[in-house]
Amino acid sequence: MTLHYCCRHCGHTLGEISEQQDELYQSVYDSLSTEERKEIIEYGENGTIRIRSICESCQNTLDQNPDYHLLEHLIQ
């Protein structure tokens, strides 16, 4: 099992966690509410797990343009 982290706004790949780091994933998973899990974790049909986060570039854009928080994706 590999967890794929990507930006929820631009799709940029942020990194991966392999099954050797399963304890790290479990600790993060346990700290999330059910609603947060639904929002950020996507399970693929082939067993992949995708974690939707935010990259530094998109975070900087949101910091400079707070009204962009209303958009689901910064790149339209």
PDB file of N, CA and C in Angstrom:
ATOM      1  N   MET A   1       0.851  -1.177   0.000  1.00  0.00           N
ATOM      2  CA  MET A   1       0.000   0.000   0.000  1.00  0.00           C
ATOM      3  C   MET A   1       0.894   1.237   0.000  1.00  0.00           C
ATOM      4  N   THR A   2       0.631   2.135  -0.894  1.00  0.00           N
ATOM      5  CA  THR A   2       1.337   3.403  -0.944  1.00  0.00           C
ATOM      6  C   THR A   2       0.311   4.523  -0.905  1.00  0.00           C
ATOM      7  N   LEU A   3       0.574   5.501  -0.068  1.00  0.00           N
ATOM      8  CA  LEU A   3      -0.290   6.672   0.015  1.00  0.00           C
ATOM      9  C   LEU A   3       0.294   7.748  -0.882  1.00  0.00           C
ATOM     10  N   HIS A   4      -0.532   8.303  -1.739  1.00  0.00           N
ATOM     11  CA  HIS A   4      -0.105   9.344  -2.664  1.00  0.00           C
ATOM     12  C   HIS A   4      -0.690  10.674  -2.193  1.00  0.00           C
ATOM     13  N   TYR A   5       0.175  11.621  -1.853  1.00  0.00           N
ATOM     14  CA  TYR A   5      -0.257  12.949  -1.428  1.00  0.00           C
ATOM     15  C   TYR A   5      -0.228  13.878  -2.628  1.00  0.00           C
ATOM     16  N   CYS A   6      -1.321  14.619  -2.835  1.00  0.00           N
ATOM     17  CA  CYS A   6      -1.377  15.569  -3.944  1.00  0.00           C
ATOM     18  C   CYS A   6      -2.136  16.816  -3.504  1.00  0.00           C
ATOM     19  N   CYS A   7      -1.921  17.898  -4.220  1.00  0.00           N
ATOM     20  CA  CYS A   7      -2.594  19.157  -3.920  1.00  0.00           C
ATOM     21  C   CYS A   7      -4.036  19.094  -4.405  1.00  0.00           C
ATOM     22  N   ARG A   8      -4.948  19.452  -3.538  1.00  0.00           N
ATOM     23  CA  ARG A   8      -6.368  19.429  -3.884  1.00  0.00           C
ATOM     24  C   ARG A   8      -6.736  20.508  -4.900  1.00  0.00           C
ATOM     25  N   HIS A   9      -5.893  21.525  -5.043  1.00  0.00           N
ATOM     26  CA  HIS A   9      -6.222  22.631  -5.939  1.00  0.00           C
ATOM     27  C   HIS A   9      -5.599  22.494  -7.324  1.00  0.00           C
ATOM     28  N   CYS A  10      -4.320  22.124  -7.379  1.00  0.00           N
ATOM     29  CA  CYS A  10      -3.642  22.076  -8.682  1.00  0.00           C
ATOM     30  C   CYS A  10      -3.271  20.661  -9.122  1.00  0.00           C
ATOM     31  N   GLY A  11      -3.384  19.686  -8.221  1.00  0.00           N
ATOM     32  CA  GLY A  11      -3.076  18.306  -8.570  1.00  0.00           C
ATOM     33  C   GLY A  11      -1.609  17.928  -8.472  1.00  0.00           C
ATOM     34  N   HIS A  12      -0.757  18.866  -8.079  1.00  0.00           N
ATOM     35  CA  HIS A  12       0.681  18.608  -7.960  1.00  0.00           C
ATOM     36  C   HIS A  12       0.941  17.482  -6.961  1.00  0.00           C
ATOM     37  N   THR A  13       1.826  16.546  -7.322  1.00  0.00           N
ATOM     38  CA  THR A  13       2.199  15.461  -6.415  1.00  0.00           C
ATOM     39  C   THR A  13       3.122  16.006  -5.334  1.00  0.00           C
ATOM     40  N   LEU A  14       2.747  15.770  -4.074  1.00  0.00           N
ATOM     41  CA  LEU A  14       3.522  16.275  -2.944  1.00  0.00           C
ATOM     42  C   LEU A  14       4.453  15.224  -2.357  1.00  0.00           C
ATOM     43  N   GLY A  15       4.109  13.957  -2.523  1.00  0.00           N
ATOM     44  CA  GLY A  15       4.953  12.893  -1.997  1.00  0.00           C
ATOM     45  C   GLY A  15       4.186  11.606  -1.818  1.00  0.00           C
ATOM     46  N   GLU A  16       4.883  10.609  -1.291  1.00  0.00           N
ATOM     47  CA  GLU A  16       4.284   9.295  -1.076  1.00  0.00           C
ATOM     48  C   GLU A  16       4.767   8.727   0.248  1.00  0.00           C
ATOM     49  N   ILE A  17       3.938   7.907   0.856  1.00  0.00           N
ATOM     50  CA  ILE A  17       4.314   7.152   2.052  1.00  0.00           C
ATOM     51  C   ILE A  17       4.096   5.689   1.717  1.00  0.00           C
ATOM     52  N   SER A  18       5.146   4.894   1.890  1.00  0.00           N
ATOM     53  CA  SER A  18       5.044   3.465   1.592  1.00  0.00           C
ATOM     54  C   SER A  18       4.519   2.709   2.800  1.00  0.00           C
ATOM     55  N   GLU A  19       4.219   1.436   2.608  1.00  0.00           N
ATOM     56  CA  GLU A  19       3.654   0.655   3.705  1.00  0.00           C
ATOM     57  C   GLU A  19       4.644   0.470   4.847  1.00  0.00           C
ATOM     58  N   GLN A  20       5.932   0.699   4.620  1.00  0.00           N
ATOM     59  CA  GLN A  20       6.897   0.641   5.712  1.00  0.00           C
ATOM     60  C   GLN A  20       6.646   1.761   6.722  1.00  0.00           C
ATOM     61  N   GLN A  21       5.949   2.801   6.297  1.00  0.00           N
ATOM     62  CA  GLN A  21       5.641   3.933   7.169  1.00  0.00           C
ATOM     63  C   GLN A  21       4.173   3.907   7.589  1.00  0.00           C
ATOM     64  N   ASP A  22       3.608   2.714   7.674  1.00  0.00           N
ATOM     65  CA  ASP A  22       2.192   2.543   7.964  1.00  0.00           C
ATOM     66  C   ASP A  22       1.784   3.157   9.302  1.00  0.00           C
ATOM     67  N   GLU A  23       2.665   3.129  10.293  1.00  0.00           N
ATOM     68  CA  GLU A  23       2.343   3.707  11.598  1.00  0.00           C
ATOM     69  C   GLU A  23       2.095   5.205  11.484  1.00  0.00           C
ATOM     70  N   LEU A  24       2.867   5.873  10.633  1.00  0.00           N
ATOM     71  CA  LEU A  24       2.671   7.304  10.414  1.00  0.00           C
ATOM     72  C   LEU A  24       1.292   7.556   9.825  1.00  0.00           C
ATOM     73  N   TYR A  25       0.921   6.789   8.803  1.00  0.00           N
ATOM     74  CA  TYR A  25      -0.403   6.929   8.200  1.00  0.00           C
ATOM     75  C   TYR A  25      -1.492   6.693   9.236  1.00  0.00           C
ATOM     76  N   GLN A  26      -1.364   5.648  10.022  1.00  0.00           N
ATOM     77  CA  GLN A  26      -2.393   5.306  11.005  1.00  0.00           C
ATOM     78  C   GLN A  26      -2.552   6.410  12.045  1.00  0.00           C
ATOM     79  N   SER A  27      -1.452   7.022  12.474  1.00  0.00           N
ATOM     80  CA  SER A  27      -1.549   8.094  13.465  1.00  0.00           C
ATOM     81  C   SER A  27      -2.250   9.320  12.885  1.00  0.00           C
ATOM     82  N   VAL A  28      -1.970   9.631  11.622  1.00  0.00           N
ATOM     83  CA  VAL A  28      -2.653  10.751  10.964  1.00  0.00           C
ATOM     84  C   VAL A  28      -4.124  10.413  10.771  1.00  0.00           C
ATOM     85  N   TYR A  29      -4.415   9.219  10.298  1.00  0.00           N
ATOM     86  CA  TYR A  29      -5.795   8.778  10.065  1.00  0.00           C
ATOM     87  C   TYR A  29      -6.614   8.853  11.352  1.00  0.00           C
ATOM     88  N   ASP A  30      -6.049   8.383  12.444  1.00  0.00           N
ATOM     89  CA  ASP A  30      -6.763   8.376  13.723  1.00  0.00           C
ATOM     90  C   ASP A  30      -7.054   9.777  14.244  1.00  0.00           C
ATOM     91  N   SER A  31      -6.251  10.755  13.842  1.00  0.00           N
ATOM     92  CA  SER A  31      -6.452  12.125  14.319  1.00  0.00           C
ATOM     93  C   SER A  31      -7.534  12.878  13.543  1.00  0.00           C
ATOM     94  N   LEU A  32      -8.002  12.310  12.422  1.00  0.00           N
ATOM     95  CA  LEU A  32      -9.013  12.969  11.594  1.00  0.00           C
ATOM     96  C   LEU A  32     -10.425  12.565  12.004  1.00  0.00           C
ATOM     97  N   SER A  33     -11.355  13.513  11.868  1.00  0.00           N
ATOM     98  CA  SER A  33     -12.762  13.188  12.081  1.00  0.00           C
ATOM     99  C   SER A  33     -13.288  12.440  10.860  1.00  0.00           C
ATOM    100  N   THR A  34     -14.457  11.849  10.990  1.00  0.00           N
ATOM    101  CA  THR A  34     -15.068  11.131   9.867  1.00  0.00           C
ATOM    102  C   THR A  34     -15.265  12.066   8.681  1.00  0.00           C
ATOM    103  N   GLU A  35     -15.712  13.282   8.938  1.00  0.00           N
ATOM    104  CA  GLU A  35     -15.935  14.257   7.867  1.00  0.00           C
ATOM    105  C   GLU A  35     -14.617  14.625   7.185  1.00  0.00           C
ATOM    106  N   GLU A  36     -13.569  14.839   7.965  1.00  0.00           N
ATOM    107  CA  GLU A  36     -12.258  15.161   7.386  1.00  0.00           C
ATOM    108  C   GLU A  36     -11.750  14.012   6.528  1.00  0.00           C
ATOM    109  N   ARG A  37     -11.955  12.795   6.977  1.00  0.00           N
ATOM    110  CA  ARG A  37     -11.529  11.627   6.195  1.00  0.00           C
ATOM    111  C   ARG A  37     -12.230  11.600   4.849  1.00  0.00           C
ATOM    112  N   LYS A  38     -13.530  11.901   4.836  1.00  0.00           N
ATOM    113  CA  LYS A  38     -14.291  11.903   3.583  1.00  0.00           C
ATOM    114  C   LYS A  38     -13.792  12.986   2.637  1.00  0.00           C
ATOM    115  N   GLU A  39     -13.371  14.126   3.192  1.00  0.00           N
ATOM    116  CA  GLU A  39     -12.926  15.255   2.380  1.00  0.00           C
ATOM    117  C   GLU A  39     -11.549  15.050   1.765  1.00  0.00           C
ATOM    118  N   ILE A  40     -10.644  14.394   2.485  1.00  0.00           N
ATOM    119  CA  ILE A  40      -9.260  14.377   2.012  1.00  0.00           C
ATOM    120  C   ILE A  40      -8.734  13.022   1.559  1.00  0.00           C
ATOM    121  N   ILE A  41      -9.419  11.927   1.879  1.00  0.00           N
ATOM    122  CA  ILE A  41      -8.910  10.604   1.510  1.00  0.00           C
ATOM    123  C   ILE A  41      -9.763  10.015   0.391  1.00  0.00           C
ATOM    124  N   GLU A  42      -9.109   9.632  -0.700  1.00  0.00           N
ATOM    125  CA  GLU A  42      -9.793   8.998  -1.829  1.00  0.00           C
ATOM    126  C   GLU A  42      -9.215   7.600  -2.016  1.00  0.00           C
ATOM    127  N   TYR A  43     -10.085   6.623  -2.125  1.00  0.00           N
ATOM    128  CA  TYR A  43      -9.662   5.237  -2.324  1.00  0.00           C
ATOM    129  C   TYR A  43      -9.895   4.849  -3.778  1.00  0.00           C
ATOM    130  N   GLY A  44      -8.832   4.476  -4.474  1.00  0.00           N
ATOM    131  CA  GLY A  44      -8.931   4.074  -5.868  1.00  0.00           C
ATOM    132  C   GLY A  44      -9.363   2.629  -6.001  1.00  0.00           C
ATOM    133  N   GLU A  45      -9.918   2.297  -7.157  1.00  0.00           N
ATOM    134  CA  GLU A  45     -10.387   0.936  -7.419  1.00  0.00           C
ATOM    135  C   GLU A  45      -9.247  -0.080  -7.394  1.00  0.00           C
ATOM    136  N   ASN A  46      -8.053   0.351  -7.717  1.00  0.00           N
ATOM    137  CA  ASN A  46      -6.906  -0.563  -7.760  1.00  0.00           C
ATOM    138  C   ASN A  46      -6.160  -0.628  -6.426  1.00  0.00           C
ATOM    139  N   GLY A  47      -6.772  -0.116  -5.363  1.00  0.00           N
ATOM    140  CA  GLY A  47      -6.178  -0.185  -4.033  1.00  0.00           C
ATOM    141  C   GLY A  47      -5.304   0.992  -3.652  1.00  0.00           C
ATOM    142  N   THR A  48      -5.173   1.961  -4.538  1.00  0.00           N
ATOM    143  CA  THR A  48      -4.374   3.135  -4.202  1.00  0.00           C
ATOM    144  C   THR A  48      -5.150   4.044  -3.253  1.00  0.00           C
ATOM    145  N   ILE A  49      -4.408   4.757  -2.456  1.00  0.00           N
ATOM    146  CA  ILE A  49      -5.005   5.726  -1.538  1.00  0.00           C
ATOM    147  C   ILE A  49      -4.393   7.079  -1.855  1.00  0.00           C
ATOM    148  N   ARG A  50      -5.246   8.053  -2.106  1.00  0.00           N
ATOM    149  CA  ARG A  50      -4.813   9.395  -2.470  1.00  0.00           C
ATOM    150  C   ARG A  50      -5.242  10.356  -1.364  1.00  0.00           C
ATOM    151  N   ILE A  51      -4.290  11.113  -0.840  1.00  0.00           N
ATOM    152  CA  ILE A  51      -4.549  12.086   0.209  1.00  0.00           C
ATOM    153  C   ILE A  51      -4.515  13.474  -0.419  1.00  0.00           C
ATOM    154  N   ARG A  52      -5.624  14.182  -0.290  1.00  0.00           N
ATOM    155  CA  ARG A  52      -5.721  15.530  -0.857  1.00  0.00           C
ATOM    156  C   ARG A  52      -5.273  16.541   0.188  1.00  0.00           C
ATOM    157  N   SER A  53      -4.201  17.270  -0.123  1.00  0.00           N
ATOM    158  CA  SER A  53      -3.644  18.264   0.780  1.00  0.00           C
ATOM    159  C   SER A  53      -3.532  19.588   0.026  1.00  0.00           C
ATOM    160  N   ILE A  54      -2.550  20.407   0.355  1.00  0.00           N
ATOM    161  CA  ILE A  54      -2.353  21.658  -0.370  1.00  0.00           C
ATOM    162  C   ILE A  54      -0.857  21.925  -0.497  1.00  0.00           C
ATOM    163  N   CYS A  55      -0.442  22.331  -1.676  1.00  0.00           N
ATOM    164  CA  CYS A  55       0.975  22.613  -1.902  1.00  0.00           C
ATOM    165  C   CYS A  55       1.305  24.036  -1.445  1.00  0.00           C
ATOM    166  N   GLU A  56       2.588  24.301  -1.320  1.00  0.00           N
ATOM    167  CA  GLU A  56       3.044  25.603  -0.850  1.00  0.00           C
ATOM    168  C   GLU A  56       2.618  26.726  -1.796  1.00  0.00           C
ATOM    169  N   SER A  57       2.682  26.483  -3.087  1.00  0.00           N
ATOM    170  CA  SER A  57       2.313  27.495  -4.072  1.00  0.00           C
ATOM    171  C   SER A  57       0.839  27.884  -3.947  1.00  0.00           C
ATOM    172  N   CYS A  58      -0.035  26.887  -3.844  1.00  0.00           N
ATOM    173  CA  CYS A  58      -1.467  27.181  -3.705  1.00  0.00           C
ATOM    174  C   CYS A  58      -1.760  27.843  -2.363  1.00  0.00           C
ATOM    175  N   GLN A  59      -1.048  27.434  -1.303  1.00  0.00           N
ATOM    176  CA  GLN A  59      -1.245  28.068   0.000  1.00  0.00           C
ATOM    177  C   GLN A  59      -0.856  29.539  -0.061  1.00  0.00           C
ATOM    178  N   ASN A  60       0.260  29.847  -0.728  1.00  0.00           N
ATOM    179  CA  ASN A  60       0.677  31.241  -0.884  1.00  0.00           C
ATOM    180  C   ASN A  60      -0.361  32.038  -1.661  1.00  0.00           C
ATOM    181  N   THR A  61      -0.910  31.439  -2.710  1.00  0.00           N
ATOM    182  CA  THR A  61      -1.946  32.102  -3.501  1.00  0.00           C
ATOM    183  C   THR A  61      -3.175  32.386  -2.647  1.00  0.00           C
ATOM    184  N   LEU A  62      -3.584  31.420  -1.839  1.00  0.00           N
ATOM    185  CA  LEU A  62      -4.737  31.614  -0.955  1.00  0.00           C
ATOM    186  C   LEU A  62      -4.461  32.686   0.096  1.00  0.00           C
ATOM    187  N   ASP A  63      -3.242  32.731   0.605  1.00  0.00           N
ATOM    188  CA  ASP A  63      -2.882  33.753   1.589  1.00  0.00           C
ATOM    189  C   ASP A  63      -2.970  35.149   0.987  1.00  0.00           C
ATOM    190  N   GLN A  64      -2.582  35.281  -0.274  1.00  0.00           N
ATOM    191  CA  GLN A  64      -2.596  36.573  -0.951  1.00  0.00           C
ATOM    192  C   GLN A  64      -3.972  36.943  -1.487  1.00  0.00           C
ATOM    193  N   ASN A  65      -4.843  35.952  -1.693  1.00  0.00           N
ATOM    194  CA  ASN A  65      -6.175  36.163  -2.267  1.00  0.00           C
ATOM    195  C   ASN A  65      -7.208  35.375  -1.460  1.00  0.00           C
ATOM    196  N   PRO A  66      -7.577  35.861  -0.286  1.00  0.00           N
ATOM    197  CA  PRO A  66      -8.484  35.104   0.592  1.00  0.00           C
ATOM    198  C   PRO A  66      -9.819  34.730  -0.049  1.00  0.00           C
ATOM    199  N   ASP A  67     -10.281  35.506  -1.021  1.00  0.00           N
ATOM    200  CA  ASP A  67     -11.549  35.193  -1.678  1.00  0.00           C
ATOM    201  C   ASP A  67     -11.469  33.898  -2.492  1.00  0.00           C
ATOM    202  N   TYR A  68     -10.259  33.440  -2.802  1.00  0.00           N
ATOM    203  CA  TYR A  68     -10.097  32.185  -3.537  1.00  0.00           C
ATOM    204  C   TYR A  68     -10.502  30.964  -2.711  1.00  0.00           C
ATOM    205  N   HIS A  69     -10.634  31.134  -1.400  1.00  0.00           N
ATOM    206  CA  HIS A  69     -11.071  30.019  -0.549  1.00  0.00           C
ATOM    207  C   HIS A  69     -12.451  29.517  -0.962  1.00  0.00           C
ATOM    208  N   LEU A  70     -13.204  30.324  -1.665  1.00  0.00           N
ATOM    209  CA  LEU A  70     -14.540  29.937  -2.113  1.00  0.00           C
ATOM    210  C   LEU A  70     -14.493  28.973  -3.295  1.00  0.00           C
ATOM    211  N   LEU A  71     -13.338  28.869  -3.945  1.00  0.00           N
ATOM    212  CA  LEU A  71     -13.193  28.004  -5.118  1.00  0.00           C
ATOM    213  C   LEU A  71     -12.766  26.600  -4.715  1.00  0.00           C
ATOM    214  N   GLU A  72     -13.297  25.595  -5.365  1.00  0.00           N
ATOM    215  CA  GLU A  72     -12.872  24.210  -5.122  1.00  0.00           C
ATOM    216  C   GLU A  72     -11.474  23.979  -5.699  1.00  0.00           C
ATOM    217  N   HIS A  73     -11.209  24.536  -6.887  1.00  0.00           N
ATOM    218  CA  HIS A  73      -9.910  24.402  -7.547  1.00  0.00           C
ATOM    219  C   HIS A  73      -9.418  25.791  -7.918  1.00  0.00           C
ATOM    220  N   LEU A  74      -8.152  26.066  -7.658  1.00  0.00           N
ATOM    221  CA  LEU A  74      -7.600  27.371  -8.017  1.00  0.00           C
ATOM    222  C   LEU A  74      -7.391  27.487  -9.513  1.00  0.00           C
ATOM    223  N   ILE A  75      -7.050  26.381 -10.161  1.00  0.00           N
ATOM    224  CA  ILE A  75      -6.870  26.371 -11.609  1.00  0.00           C
ATOM    225  C   ILE A  75      -8.196  25.968 -12.226  1.00  0.00           C
ATOM    226  N   GLN A  76      -8.839  26.894 -12.910  1.00  0.00           N
ATOM    227  CA  GLN A  76     -10.171  26.643 -13.470  1.00  0.00           C
ATOM    228  C   GLN A  76     -10.094  26.238 -14.920  1.00  0.00           C
TER     229      GLN A  76
END
